[in-house]
Protein backbone atom coordinates (compact mmCIF):
# COMPACT_ATOMS: atom_id res chain seq x y z
CA MET A 1 0.46 -25.19 14.44
CA SER A 2 -1.83 -22.62 13.03
CA LEU A 3 -0.62 -19.16 11.96
CA LEU A 4 -4.12 -17.75 12.20
CA PRO A 5 -4.89 -15.58 15.46
CA PRO A 6 -8.00 -16.34 17.59
CA ALA A 7 -10.85 -14.31 16.57
CA ALA A 8 -10.72 -12.12 19.86
CA ALA A 9 -6.98 -11.26 19.06
CA ALA A 10 -8.07 -10.35 15.25
CA GLU A 11 -10.66 -7.90 16.50
CA ASP A 12 -8.46 -6.31 19.38
CA ARG A 13 -4.94 -6.40 18.55
CA SER A 14 -1.51 -4.75 18.63
CA ARG A 15 -0.23 -5.96 15.25
CA SER A 16 0.28 -3.40 12.44
CA ARG A 17 -1.52 -5.49 9.72
CA SER A 18 -3.03 -8.72 8.96
CA LEU A 19 -1.30 -11.84 7.23
CA VAL A 20 -1.48 -11.95 3.52
CA ALA A 21 -2.59 -15.45 2.46
CA SER A 22 -2.82 -17.10 -0.84
CA THR A 23 -2.61 -20.31 -2.69
CA ALA A 24 -0.91 -18.79 -5.72
CA GLY A 25 2.06 -17.46 -4.05
CA VAL A 26 3.38 -14.74 -1.91
CA VAL A 27 6.07 -12.23 -2.06
CA ALA A 28 7.57 -10.19 1.06
CA SER A 29 10.10 -7.44 0.48
CA GLU A 30 10.91 -3.94 1.65
CA SER A 31 9.44 -2.37 -1.45
CA VAL A 32 5.75 -2.39 -2.38
CA LEU A 33 6.57 -2.01 -6.00
CA GLY A 34 9.35 -5.01 -5.62
CA SER A 35 6.78 -7.31 -4.11
CA GLN A 36 4.12 -6.30 -6.76
CA ILE A 37 6.70 -7.25 -9.55
CA GLY A 38 7.68 -10.43 -7.93
CA ALA A 39 4.02 -11.50 -7.68
CA ARG A 40 3.58 -10.57 -11.29
CA VAL A 41 6.44 -12.88 -12.08
CA LEU A 42 4.63 -15.86 -10.15
CA GLU A 43 1.39 -15.02 -11.95
CA ASP A 44 3.09 -15.48 -15.29
CA GLY A 45 4.26 -18.87 -14.33
CA GLY A 46 7.73 -18.13 -12.77
CA ASN A 47 8.78 -20.01 -9.61
CA ALA A 48 9.79 -18.56 -6.19
CA ILE A 49 13.51 -18.35 -7.32
CA ASP A 50 12.63 -16.38 -10.51
CA ALA A 51 10.57 -14.07 -8.59
CA ALA A 52 13.19 -13.43 -5.97
CA ILE A 53 15.94 -12.49 -8.55
CA ALA A 54 13.44 -10.02 -10.18
CA VAL A 55 12.65 -8.48 -6.78
CA ASN A 56 16.17 -8.16 -5.81
CA ALA A 57 17.00 -6.35 -9.10
CA VAL A 58 14.25 -3.88 -8.45
CA LEU A 59 15.43 -3.47 -4.75
CA GLY A 60 18.83 -2.48 -6.10
CA LEU A 61 17.21 0.20 -7.97
CA VAL A 62 14.67 1.52 -5.51
CA ALA A 63 16.85 1.16 -2.28
CA PRO A 64 20.29 1.61 -3.72
CA MET A 65 21.90 2.47 -0.32
CA ASN A 66 20.84 -0.68 1.06
CA ASP A 67 21.60 -3.17 -1.64
CA GLY A 68 22.42 -3.77 -5.14
CA ILE A 69 24.70 -5.54 -7.60
CA GLY A 70 27.64 -3.98 -5.99
CA GLY A 71 26.97 -5.94 -2.67
CA ASP A 72 26.83 -9.45 -1.68
CA LEU A 73 24.02 -12.27 -1.46
CA PHE A 74 23.03 -15.26 0.75
CA ALA A 75 20.11 -17.35 0.43
CA ILE A 76 18.35 -20.51 1.51
CA VAL A 77 16.24 -22.38 -0.93
CA HIS A 78 13.61 -24.88 -0.01
CA ASP A 79 13.17 -26.99 -3.14
CA ALA A 80 9.76 -28.60 -3.13
CA ALA A 81 10.68 -31.40 -5.64
CA SER A 82 13.45 -32.94 -3.35
CA GLY A 83 12.27 -31.59 0.01
CA ARG A 84 15.96 -30.49 0.63
CA LEU A 85 17.35 -27.03 1.69
CA TYR A 86 20.02 -25.59 -0.11
CA GLY A 87 22.29 -22.80 1.05
CA LEU A 88 24.14 -20.33 -1.27
CA ASN A 89 27.02 -17.98 -0.03
CA ALA A 90 27.60 -15.41 -2.59
CA SER A 91 29.82 -13.17 -0.64
CA GLY A 92 32.78 -11.70 -2.49
CA TRP A 93 36.45 -11.94 -1.68
CA SER A 94 39.04 -9.19 -0.99
CA PRO A 95 41.49 -8.35 -3.95
CA ALA A 96 44.39 -10.67 -3.95
CA ALA A 97 46.75 -7.87 -3.46
CA LEU A 98 45.14 -6.45 -0.39
CA ASN A 99 46.69 -7.45 2.90
CA PRO A 100 47.66 -5.64 6.14
CA GLU A 101 50.91 -5.08 5.34
CA ARG A 102 49.94 -2.91 2.36
CA LEU A 103 47.64 -0.76 4.41
CA GLN A 104 50.12 -0.55 7.26
CA ARG A 105 52.66 0.99 4.57
CA GLN A 106 50.11 3.59 3.86
CA GLY A 107 49.88 4.44 7.63
CA ILE A 108 46.43 2.63 7.90
CA ALA A 109 46.20 1.06 11.22
CA GLN A 110 42.55 -0.13 11.43
CA MET A 111 40.43 -1.32 8.52
CA PRO A 112 38.86 1.47 6.66
CA GLN A 113 34.95 1.71 6.75
CA GLN A 114 34.37 3.48 3.42
CA GLY A 115 36.36 4.15 0.29
CA ILE A 116 38.20 1.79 -2.06
CA HIS A 117 40.07 -0.26 0.34
CA ALA A 118 36.78 -1.35 2.16
CA VAL A 119 35.57 -2.81 -1.27
CA THR A 120 35.42 -6.44 -1.81
CA VAL A 121 34.31 -8.23 -5.05
CA PRO A 122 30.54 -7.91 -5.43
CA GLY A 123 28.81 -11.37 -5.16
CA ALA A 124 25.21 -10.67 -6.02
CA VAL A 125 25.26 -11.16 -9.62
CA ALA A 126 27.17 -14.58 -9.30
CA GLY A 127 24.39 -15.43 -6.62
CA TRP A 128 21.60 -14.62 -9.23
CA HIS A 129 23.40 -16.80 -11.85
CA ALA A 130 23.86 -19.87 -9.21
CA LEU A 131 20.24 -19.51 -8.24
CA ARG A 132 18.93 -19.24 -11.78
CA GLN A 133 21.04 -22.00 -13.10
CA ARG A 134 19.99 -24.49 -10.47
CA PHE A 135 16.51 -23.79 -9.80
CA GLY A 136 15.27 -20.88 -12.08
CA SER A 137 12.75 -21.33 -15.03
CA ARG A 138 13.14 -17.83 -16.70
CA PRO A 139 15.82 -16.16 -18.42
CA PHE A 140 17.63 -12.99 -17.18
CA SER A 141 16.27 -10.95 -20.21
CA GLU A 142 12.77 -11.77 -18.84
CA LEU A 143 13.71 -11.32 -15.00
CA LEU A 144 15.48 -7.97 -15.44
CA THR A 145 12.98 -6.31 -17.58
CA PRO A 146 10.92 -4.70 -14.99
CA ALA A 147 13.88 -3.34 -13.10
CA ILE A 148 15.24 -1.93 -16.50
CA THR A 149 11.85 -0.44 -17.19
CA TYR A 150 11.65 1.53 -13.97
CA ALA A 151 15.48 2.49 -14.23
CA GLU A 152 14.54 4.10 -17.39
CA ARG A 153 11.15 5.68 -16.78
CA GLY A 154 11.71 6.43 -12.98
CA PHE A 155 10.25 5.25 -9.77
CA ALA A 156 8.62 7.20 -6.77
CA VAL A 157 11.02 7.38 -3.87
CA GLU A 158 9.53 5.94 -0.64
CA GLU A 159 9.60 7.24 2.88
CA VAL A 160 12.27 5.09 4.74
CA VAL A 161 14.50 5.02 1.60
CA GLN A 162 14.39 8.83 1.51
CA ALA A 163 15.67 9.22 5.17
CA TYR A 164 18.57 6.98 4.49
CA TRP A 165 19.29 8.91 1.17
CA ARG A 166 19.09 12.20 2.81
CA ALA A 167 21.28 11.08 5.52
CA SER A 168 23.97 9.99 3.08
CA GLU A 169 24.14 13.25 1.21
CA SER A 170 27.60 14.34 2.62
CA VAL A 171 29.09 11.09 1.67
CA LEU A 172 27.84 10.91 -1.76
CA ARG A 173 29.15 14.44 -2.56
CA GLN A 174 32.63 13.44 -1.94
CA ASP A 175 32.95 11.50 -5.15
CA ALA A 176 31.95 13.11 -8.44
CA ALA A 177 30.60 9.95 -10.21
CA THR A 178 28.69 9.06 -7.14
CA ALA A 179 27.26 12.45 -6.80
CA ALA A 180 26.13 12.59 -10.47
CA THR A 181 24.38 9.13 -10.28
CA PHE A 182 22.55 9.55 -6.94
CA LEU A 183 22.42 13.37 -6.40
CA PRO A 184 21.55 14.45 -9.86
CA ALA A 185 19.77 17.56 -8.78
CA GLY A 186 22.39 18.23 -6.13
CA ARG A 187 20.53 16.72 -3.34
CA ALA A 188 18.82 13.52 -2.32
CA PRO A 189 15.42 12.95 -4.16
CA ALA A 190 12.23 14.15 -1.95
CA VAL A 191 9.42 11.46 -0.85
CA GLY A 192 7.38 10.76 -3.78
CA GLU A 193 9.99 12.36 -6.23
CA LEU A 194 10.56 10.27 -9.57
CA PHE A 195 14.09 9.05 -9.70
CA ARG A 196 15.65 7.42 -12.88
CA ASN A 197 19.00 5.64 -13.11
CA PRO A 198 19.62 4.97 -16.92
CA GLU A 199 22.97 3.88 -16.13
CA LEU A 200 21.79 1.03 -14.04
CA ALA A 201 19.40 0.10 -16.87
CA TRP A 202 22.52 -0.14 -19.15
CA THR A 203 24.17 -2.43 -16.63
CA TYR A 204 21.22 -4.66 -16.23
CA ARG A 205 20.82 -4.97 -20.07
CA GLN A 206 24.35 -6.15 -20.17
CA ILE A 207 23.47 -8.73 -17.47
CA ALA A 208 20.22 -9.67 -19.40
CA SER A 209 22.12 -10.20 -22.63
CA HIS A 210 25.45 -11.85 -21.53
CA GLY A 211 24.68 -13.14 -18.01
CA GLN A 212 27.38 -13.03 -15.22
CA ASP A 213 30.12 -12.75 -17.78
CA ALA A 214 29.13 -9.23 -18.55
CA PHE A 215 29.54 -8.34 -14.81
CA TYR A 216 32.70 -10.10 -14.04
CA CYS A 217 34.47 -10.29 -17.40
CA GLY A 218 32.75 -7.88 -19.74
CA GLU A 219 32.00 -4.02 -20.08
CA VAL A 220 30.68 -3.73 -16.57
CA ALA A 221 33.90 -5.39 -15.15
CA GLN A 222 35.99 -2.81 -17.09
CA LYS A 223 34.03 -0.01 -15.52
CA MET A 224 34.59 -1.36 -11.99
CA LEU A 225 38.35 -1.78 -12.76
CA ALA A 226 38.48 1.74 -13.80
CA THR A 227 36.62 3.01 -10.82
CA SER A 228 39.24 0.91 -8.49
CA ALA A 229 42.23 2.25 -10.46
CA ALA A 230 40.94 5.95 -10.18
CA HIS A 231 40.93 5.52 -6.38
CA ALA A 232 44.21 3.79 -6.11
CA GLY A 233 42.54 0.40 -5.32
CA THR A 234 43.90 -2.91 -5.82
CA LEU A 235 41.08 -4.90 -7.59
CA SER A 236 42.29 -6.91 -10.57
CA ALA A 237 40.47 -8.58 -13.54
CA ALA A 238 41.58 -11.86 -12.11
CA ASP A 239 39.76 -10.92 -8.87
CA LEU A 240 36.58 -10.56 -10.70
CA ALA A 241 36.89 -13.19 -13.30
CA GLU A 242 37.66 -15.93 -10.95
CA PHE A 243 35.20 -15.35 -8.35
CA GLU A 244 32.18 -17.94 -8.14
CA ALA A 245 29.55 -18.21 -5.63
CA GLU A 246 29.50 -21.22 -3.34
CA TRP A 247 26.70 -23.85 -2.52
CA VAL A 248 26.86 -24.62 1.20
CA ASP A 249 24.85 -26.93 3.70
CA PRO A 250 22.80 -25.01 6.11
CA ILE A 251 23.64 -25.39 9.77
CA SER A 252 20.80 -25.85 12.38
CA THR A 253 19.60 -26.38 16.00
CA THR A 254 16.21 -27.56 17.41
CA TYR A 255 14.45 -25.18 19.56
CA ARG A 256 11.49 -26.61 21.39
CA GLY A 257 10.45 -29.02 18.51
CA TRP A 258 11.22 -26.75 15.83
CA THR A 259 14.36 -27.08 13.57
CA VAL A 260 16.04 -23.50 12.91
CA CYS A 261 18.44 -23.31 10.03
CA GLU A 262 21.13 -20.51 9.29
CA LEU A 263 24.12 -20.75 6.93
CA PRO A 264 27.58 -21.47 8.19
CA PRO A 265 30.42 -19.05 8.59
CA ASN A 266 31.58 -16.56 7.25
CA GLY A 267 28.02 -15.24 8.36
CA GLN A 268 26.73 -14.41 11.95
CA GLY A 269 23.82 -16.94 11.84
CA ILE A 270 25.80 -19.40 14.12
CA ALA A 271 25.25 -16.67 16.74
CA ALA A 272 21.54 -16.86 16.44
CA LEU A 273 21.68 -20.71 16.92
CA GLU A 274 23.95 -20.35 19.85
CA MET A 275 21.36 -17.87 21.52
CA LEU A 276 18.45 -20.31 20.88
CA ASN A 277 20.68 -23.16 22.36
CA MET A 278 21.08 -20.92 25.55
CA MET A 279 17.46 -19.94 25.52
CA GLN A 280 16.36 -23.59 25.73
CA GLY A 281 17.26 -23.69 29.54
CA PHE A 282 14.99 -20.96 30.60
CA PRO A 283 11.19 -20.99 31.00
CA LEU A 284 10.53 -17.98 28.71
CA GLN A 285 6.85 -18.86 28.18
CA GLU A 286 6.47 -18.94 31.96
CA TRP A 287 8.25 -15.48 32.35
CA GLY A 288 6.06 -13.97 29.65
CA HIS A 289 6.87 -11.99 26.33
CA ASN A 290 9.28 -9.08 26.82
CA SER A 291 9.08 -9.30 30.53
CA ALA A 292 12.08 -7.98 32.44
CA ARG A 293 13.52 -11.65 33.11
CA THR A 294 12.83 -12.66 29.56
CA LEU A 295 14.52 -9.63 28.03
CA HIS A 296 17.43 -9.65 30.62
CA MET A 297 18.05 -13.41 29.77
CA LEU A 298 17.89 -12.66 25.89
CA ILE A 299 20.25 -9.62 26.33
CA GLU A 300 22.81 -11.53 28.16
CA ALA A 301 22.64 -14.40 25.88
CA LYS A 302 23.31 -12.01 22.96
CA LYS A 303 26.38 -10.69 24.68
CA LEU A 304 27.89 -14.26 25.09
CA ALA A 305 26.99 -15.43 21.68
CA TYR A 306 28.41 -12.34 20.09
CA ALA A 307 31.48 -12.54 22.03
CA ASP A 308 32.04 -15.96 20.61
CA LEU A 309 31.18 -14.69 16.94
CA ALA A 310 33.74 -11.91 17.32
CA ALA A 311 36.50 -14.27 18.46
CA HIS A 312 35.96 -17.46 16.54
CA VAL A 313 34.29 -16.78 13.16
CA GLY A 314 35.93 -16.08 9.90
CA ASP A 315 36.23 -17.40 6.35
CA MET A 316 36.21 -21.39 6.76
CA ARG A 317 38.54 -21.64 3.58
CA PHE A 318 41.26 -19.82 5.55
CA GLY A 319 41.24 -21.79 8.97
CA ARG A 320 39.27 -24.00 11.38
CA ILE A 321 36.22 -22.39 12.57
CA PRO A 322 34.77 -24.45 15.44
CA VAL A 323 31.19 -24.70 14.15
CA GLN A 324 30.12 -27.86 15.95
CA GLY A 325 31.68 -26.74 19.07
CA LEU A 326 29.75 -23.42 19.00
CA LEU A 327 26.54 -25.50 18.40
CA SER A 328 27.10 -27.94 21.09
CA ARG A 329 24.37 -28.23 23.66
CA ASP A 330 26.88 -28.67 26.51
CA TYR A 331 28.74 -25.61 25.55
CA ALA A 332 25.51 -23.61 25.22
CA ALA A 333 24.62 -24.83 28.82
CA ALA A 334 27.98 -23.76 30.08
CA ARG A 335 27.80 -20.28 28.48
CA ALA A 336 24.14 -19.70 29.85
CA SER A 337 25.36 -20.67 33.39
CA LEU A 338 27.32 -17.35 33.06
CA ILE A 339 24.06 -15.32 32.99
CA ALA A 340 23.38 -13.71 36.42
CA GLY A 341 19.98 -13.15 37.37
CA GLY A 342 19.23 -9.47 37.99
CA ARG A 343 22.68 -8.07 37.15
CA ALA A 344 23.72 -6.97 33.58
CA ALA A 345 27.25 -7.92 32.39
CA SER A 346 29.47 -5.19 31.26
CA ILE A 347 31.89 -7.45 29.44
CA ALA A 348 31.22 -11.00 27.98
CA ALA A 349 34.41 -12.77 27.36
CA PRO A 350 34.44 -15.45 24.45
CA GLY A 351 34.36 -18.98 25.38
CA VAL A 352 36.63 -21.82 24.21
CA PRO A 353 34.26 -24.12 22.46
CA PRO A 354 35.25 -27.77 21.64
CA GLY A 355 37.31 -28.00 18.48
CA THR A 356 38.62 -24.46 18.76
CA ASP A 357 41.96 -23.38 17.16
CA HIS A 358 44.20 -21.10 19.13
CA GLY A 359 23.37 -2.19 6.05
CA THR A 360 20.72 -4.68 3.62
CA THR A 361 17.66 -5.90 2.02
CA TYR A 362 15.74 -9.23 2.67
CA LEU A 363 13.03 -10.69 0.83
CA ALA A 364 11.16 -13.93 1.02
CA VAL A 365 9.13 -15.82 -1.68
CA ALA A 366 6.69 -18.79 -1.52
CA ASP A 367 5.22 -20.28 -4.77
CA ARG A 368 2.35 -22.24 -5.66
CA TRP A 369 4.48 -25.46 -5.87
CA GLY A 370 5.88 -25.20 -2.27
CA ASN A 371 9.34 -23.70 -3.16
CA LEU A 372 10.46 -21.21 -0.56
CA ILE A 373 13.49 -18.79 -0.67
CA SER A 374 14.84 -16.85 2.13
CA LEU A 375 17.22 -14.13 0.44
CA ILE A 376 19.30 -11.42 1.79
CA GLN A 377 21.58 -9.02 -0.05
CA SER A 378 23.45 -5.94 1.10
CA ASN A 379 26.03 -3.10 0.21
CA PHE A 380 26.72 -3.11 3.99
CA ALA A 381 26.39 0.48 5.11
CA ALA A 382 23.07 1.94 4.13
CA VAL A 383 23.98 5.55 5.39
CA GLY A 384 26.86 6.26 3.08
CA PHE A 385 25.76 3.83 0.35
CA GLY A 386 28.24 1.00 1.09
CA SER A 387 31.90 2.21 0.27
CA GLY A 388 30.51 5.60 -0.84
CA LEU A 389 31.82 4.98 -4.34
CA ALA A 390 29.63 4.52 -7.33
CA VAL A 391 30.83 2.66 -10.37
CA ALA A 392 31.22 5.39 -13.06
CA GLY A 393 28.77 4.78 -15.79
CA ALA A 394 27.18 1.77 -14.34
CA GLY A 395 24.55 3.14 -12.01
CA PHE A 396 25.56 1.13 -8.67
CA VAL A 397 27.76 1.51 -5.79
CA LEU A 398 30.38 -0.85 -4.45
CA GLN A 399 30.03 -2.31 -0.93
CA ASN A 400 32.15 -1.75 2.03
CA ARG A 401 32.16 -5.23 3.28
CA GLY A 402 35.89 -5.36 3.67
CA GLY A 403 35.51 -3.03 6.53
CA LEU A 404 34.54 -6.09 8.77
CA PHE A 405 38.08 -7.51 8.48
CA THR A 406 40.44 -7.02 11.40
CA LEU A 407 44.19 -6.31 11.07
CA GLU A 408 44.93 -8.20 14.15
CA PRO A 409 47.47 -10.94 13.42
CA ARG A 410 46.30 -14.58 13.85
CA HIS A 411 42.67 -13.57 14.34
CA PRO A 412 40.36 -15.72 12.10
CA ASN A 413 39.01 -12.79 10.57
CA VAL A 414 42.33 -10.96 9.66
CA LEU A 415 42.45 -9.39 6.25
CA ALA A 416 44.06 -11.60 3.53
CA GLY A 417 44.04 -11.69 -0.30
CA ARG A 418 40.91 -13.67 -1.74
CA LYS A 419 39.27 -14.00 1.60
CA ARG A 420 35.90 -13.30 2.74
CA SER A 421 35.22 -11.28 5.70
CA LEU A 422 32.99 -11.99 8.68
CA HIS A 423 29.70 -11.20 7.36
CA THR A 424 26.50 -9.52 9.01
CA ILE A 425 23.87 -10.63 6.56
CA ILE A 426 21.95 -13.84 7.26
CA PRO A 427 18.74 -15.43 5.72
CA GLY A 428 16.69 -17.72 8.16
CA PHE A 429 14.47 -20.81 7.75
CA MET A 430 12.63 -22.75 10.32
CA HIS A 431 10.19 -25.79 10.25
CA SER A 432 8.19 -28.02 12.23
CA GLY A 433 5.96 -30.82 11.17
CA GLY A 434 3.98 -29.42 8.18
CA MET A 435 5.01 -25.74 8.74
CA ARG A 436 7.81 -24.14 6.79
CA ILE A 437 8.98 -20.27 7.38
CA ALA A 438 11.54 -18.49 5.31
CA PHE A 439 12.34 -15.15 7.40
CA GLY A 440 15.02 -12.58 7.64
CA VAL A 441 15.52 -9.33 9.55
CA MET A 442 17.84 -6.56 8.21
CA GLY A 443 20.18 -4.36 10.21
CA GLY A 444 23.86 -5.12 10.69
CA TRP A 445 24.83 -6.85 13.87
CA ASN A 446 21.04 -6.53 15.01
CA GLN A 447 20.40 -9.73 12.78
CA ALA A 448 21.35 -12.82 14.74
CA GLN A 449 19.72 -11.38 17.86
CA ALA A 450 16.51 -10.42 16.01
CA HIS A 451 16.42 -14.03 14.32
CA ALA A 452 16.40 -15.35 17.96
CA GLN A 453 13.66 -13.02 19.11
CA PHE A 454 11.55 -13.72 15.88
CA VAL A 455 11.84 -17.58 16.50
CA SER A 456 11.17 -17.29 20.26
CA ASN A 457 8.02 -15.12 19.31
CA ILE A 458 6.64 -17.94 17.21
CA VAL A 459 7.78 -20.91 19.42
CA ASP A 460 7.42 -19.62 22.97
CA PHE A 461 4.62 -17.20 22.50
CA GLY A 462 2.57 -18.67 19.72
CA MET A 463 2.48 -15.47 17.54
CA ASN A 464 1.95 -15.78 13.66
CA ILE A 465 4.74 -14.46 11.52
CA GLN A 466 3.31 -10.88 11.25
CA ALA A 467 2.82 -10.47 14.89
CA ALA A 468 6.37 -12.07 15.43
CA LEU A 469 7.78 -9.20 13.16
CA ASP A 470 5.79 -6.56 14.62
CA ALA A 471 6.47 -7.32 18.25
CA PRO A 472 8.80 -4.81 20.28
CA ARG A 473 12.47 -5.73 19.98
CA PHE A 474 15.83 -5.00 21.73
CA SER A 475 18.91 -4.62 19.90
CA LYS A 476 22.48 -4.23 21.18
CA ASP A 477 25.03 -2.90 18.44
CA THR A 478 27.95 -3.00 20.69
CA PHE A 479 29.89 -6.07 21.83
CA GLU A 480 30.73 -4.88 25.23
CA GLY A 481 29.11 -2.70 27.86
CA ARG A 482 25.48 -2.58 29.29
CA ASP A 483 23.90 -0.39 26.69
CA VAL A 484 20.96 -1.70 24.97
CA SER A 485 18.37 -0.28 22.80
CA LEU A 486 14.68 -0.78 23.51
CA GLU A 487 11.52 0.17 21.44
CA ALA A 488 9.22 2.44 23.29
CA ARG A 489 6.48 -0.07 23.14
CA VAL A 490 8.23 -2.19 25.90
CA PRO A 491 6.42 -1.37 29.06
CA LEU A 492 7.77 1.33 31.28
CA ALA A 493 7.83 -1.00 34.44
CA VAL A 494 9.81 -3.44 32.32
CA ARG A 495 12.35 -0.77 31.28
CA GLU A 496 12.58 0.50 34.89
CA GLN A 497 13.30 -3.13 36.12
CA LEU A 498 16.05 -3.57 33.62
CA ALA A 499 17.62 -0.26 34.40
CA ALA A 500 17.78 -1.46 38.09
CA TRP A 501 19.65 -4.50 37.00
CA GLY A 502 22.08 -2.41 35.56
CA HIS A 503 20.98 -2.23 31.76
CA GLU A 504 21.72 1.22 30.30
CA ILE A 505 18.65 1.76 28.12
CA VAL A 506 18.52 3.71 25.05
CA LEU A 507 14.95 4.44 24.25
CA ARG A 508 14.09 4.14 20.68
CA GLY A 509 10.77 4.92 18.75
CA ASP A 510 7.73 2.72 18.69
CA PHE A 511 8.91 1.06 15.32
CA SER A 512 12.70 1.64 14.96
CA SER A 513 14.21 0.51 11.75
CA ILE A 514 17.50 2.31 12.15
CA ARG A 515 18.37 -0.01 15.27
CA MET A 516 15.95 -2.80 15.25
CA GLY A 517 16.17 -3.55 11.41
CA ALA A 518 13.15 -4.84 9.64
CA GLY A 519 12.04 -8.20 8.31
CA GLN A 520 10.12 -10.08 6.18
CA ALA A 521 8.66 -13.66 6.18
CA VAL A 522 6.67 -16.15 4.20
CA ALA A 523 5.16 -19.56 5.38
CA HIS A 524 3.90 -22.60 3.94
CA ASP A 525 1.29 -24.71 5.70
CA LEU A 526 1.43 -28.09 4.12
CA ALA A 527 -1.73 -29.38 5.72
CA SER A 528 -3.94 -26.68 4.22
CA GLY A 529 -1.70 -25.72 1.36
CA MET A 530 -1.99 -21.95 2.29
CA LEU A 531 0.94 -19.63 1.67
CA PHE A 532 1.19 -16.67 4.13
CA GLY A 533 3.24 -13.51 3.95
CA ALA A 534 4.23 -10.79 6.19
CA SER A 535 6.20 -7.58 6.23
CA ASP A 536 7.73 -5.38 9.00
CA PRO A 537 5.99 -1.94 9.39
CA ARG A 538 9.56 -0.56 10.15
CA LYS A 539 10.11 -0.34 6.30
CA ASP A 540 8.27 0.73 3.22
CA GLY A 541 7.51 -2.59 2.00
CA ALA A 542 4.62 -5.12 2.04
CA ALA A 543 3.58 -8.68 1.55
CA VAL A 544 1.75 -9.10 -1.82
CA ALA A 545 -0.10 -12.29 -2.97
CA ALA A 546 0.16 -13.42 -6.45
CA LEU A 547 -3.43 -13.49 -8.16
CA LEU A 548 -4.98 -16.76 -9.59
CA PRO A 549 -5.61 -16.69 -13.30
CA TRP A 550 -9.06 -15.72 -14.61
CA SER A 551 -10.66 -15.28 -17.99
CA GLY A 552 -12.80 -12.43 -18.85
């Protein structure tokens, strides 16, 4: 497979930008500054995993509503030396003392979506530690220096980030420590305004000097515990000190000759694989990209896969999750048979697979040695900065990932102490022959359906990774109903046909990051040795190539 478009397509095209290509390494992230810093790490001899950690630290500074060390992390690493894929689940658990009965005694009938009871242990720093320990070649003191420098000297706020910041002002004002950190002038910073976060610089220095122990056992941990106590939270020193990231084996399916890999539950990646298994039985290439028939099938497959996700997925350490059943081709065929041609379903009931028991940033890096990393990291709610609570004196907010638990008894995702919630953020990886692609698309419940669309764009419609990110997308946030968001670039005739079939279309802008999310991708073509990068125009970022060394 070639990632290069034919000459005619390159001259007269609908893509937003060209592929970035290099033999020295490529970094793709939602921040131009972050991608440049990652490229510098590669130029200085660091590998893809080193660069990813450095970029992630910068993103926690420049996009603090989306991600940061108060949130969780997942990654898929392709290790060139062994040829193996490694999965990392660095999603934190709930406090041991937090359970449905405790909330119900306080008159809380549903999981809070913000505030201290939505907070779970942040997993990102444990994820950095696990990645660096297993694959890294540079110390934290080196990898965190760029982020520390910009935290102290300031960075220019970018457009998309500023829009989320401005939309979060009312939440940020509700807590004095949060407002002091992120609204120092009493408002969100303007586009292009210099913003500094010296408290985050202090926190990064602690990690640079003492590793993950500074965060989970040291002075940073003490600040987290003080913040929790100030808000009557249940987080304990043991909750932090005893948490560890977990190495896991990726799960996969094959889609028309490609192997597509996701991480196993507690994430939603299994829904992307179930969608792809249903899509196998339909002639999408014959129907055409974003035709009414193609979109109808994808939307209906999404409803079915997400109904299964909501019913069956939770923390695998707390009960049996029917992973193999959900990935079964026979089960996918049975689910796909429920898709009615020319009629949108209002409610998609979950199935009974074999074996059943009754907000975000993404970055990808490829280095000169053929290592690739697909990394996603998040505070969950972008508007509202996660839980809406900053750790006083530490420069970062705590995530609200606990808001995804349910209080429904006997549900696989019911809240319990030391449990990981159902998770939205998922890294992706796909390969066929000599082509390897690390990819991801941010945006809450948008992610699994966006993964399926990205894979289809490449496999069914021959797009390169930039075109596959650029292409108009649909997204359905809700799990029931006929509503679906479409970008305005989907042709009017297609939208009218879908409406005639019962789809209730919510029309979005041409490139809608608030609903469609935004992605990044890198690829390695083993035949040519070339590395490629792509960045979604729905965010501020870019794919940046590392430079080859030269002498003056």
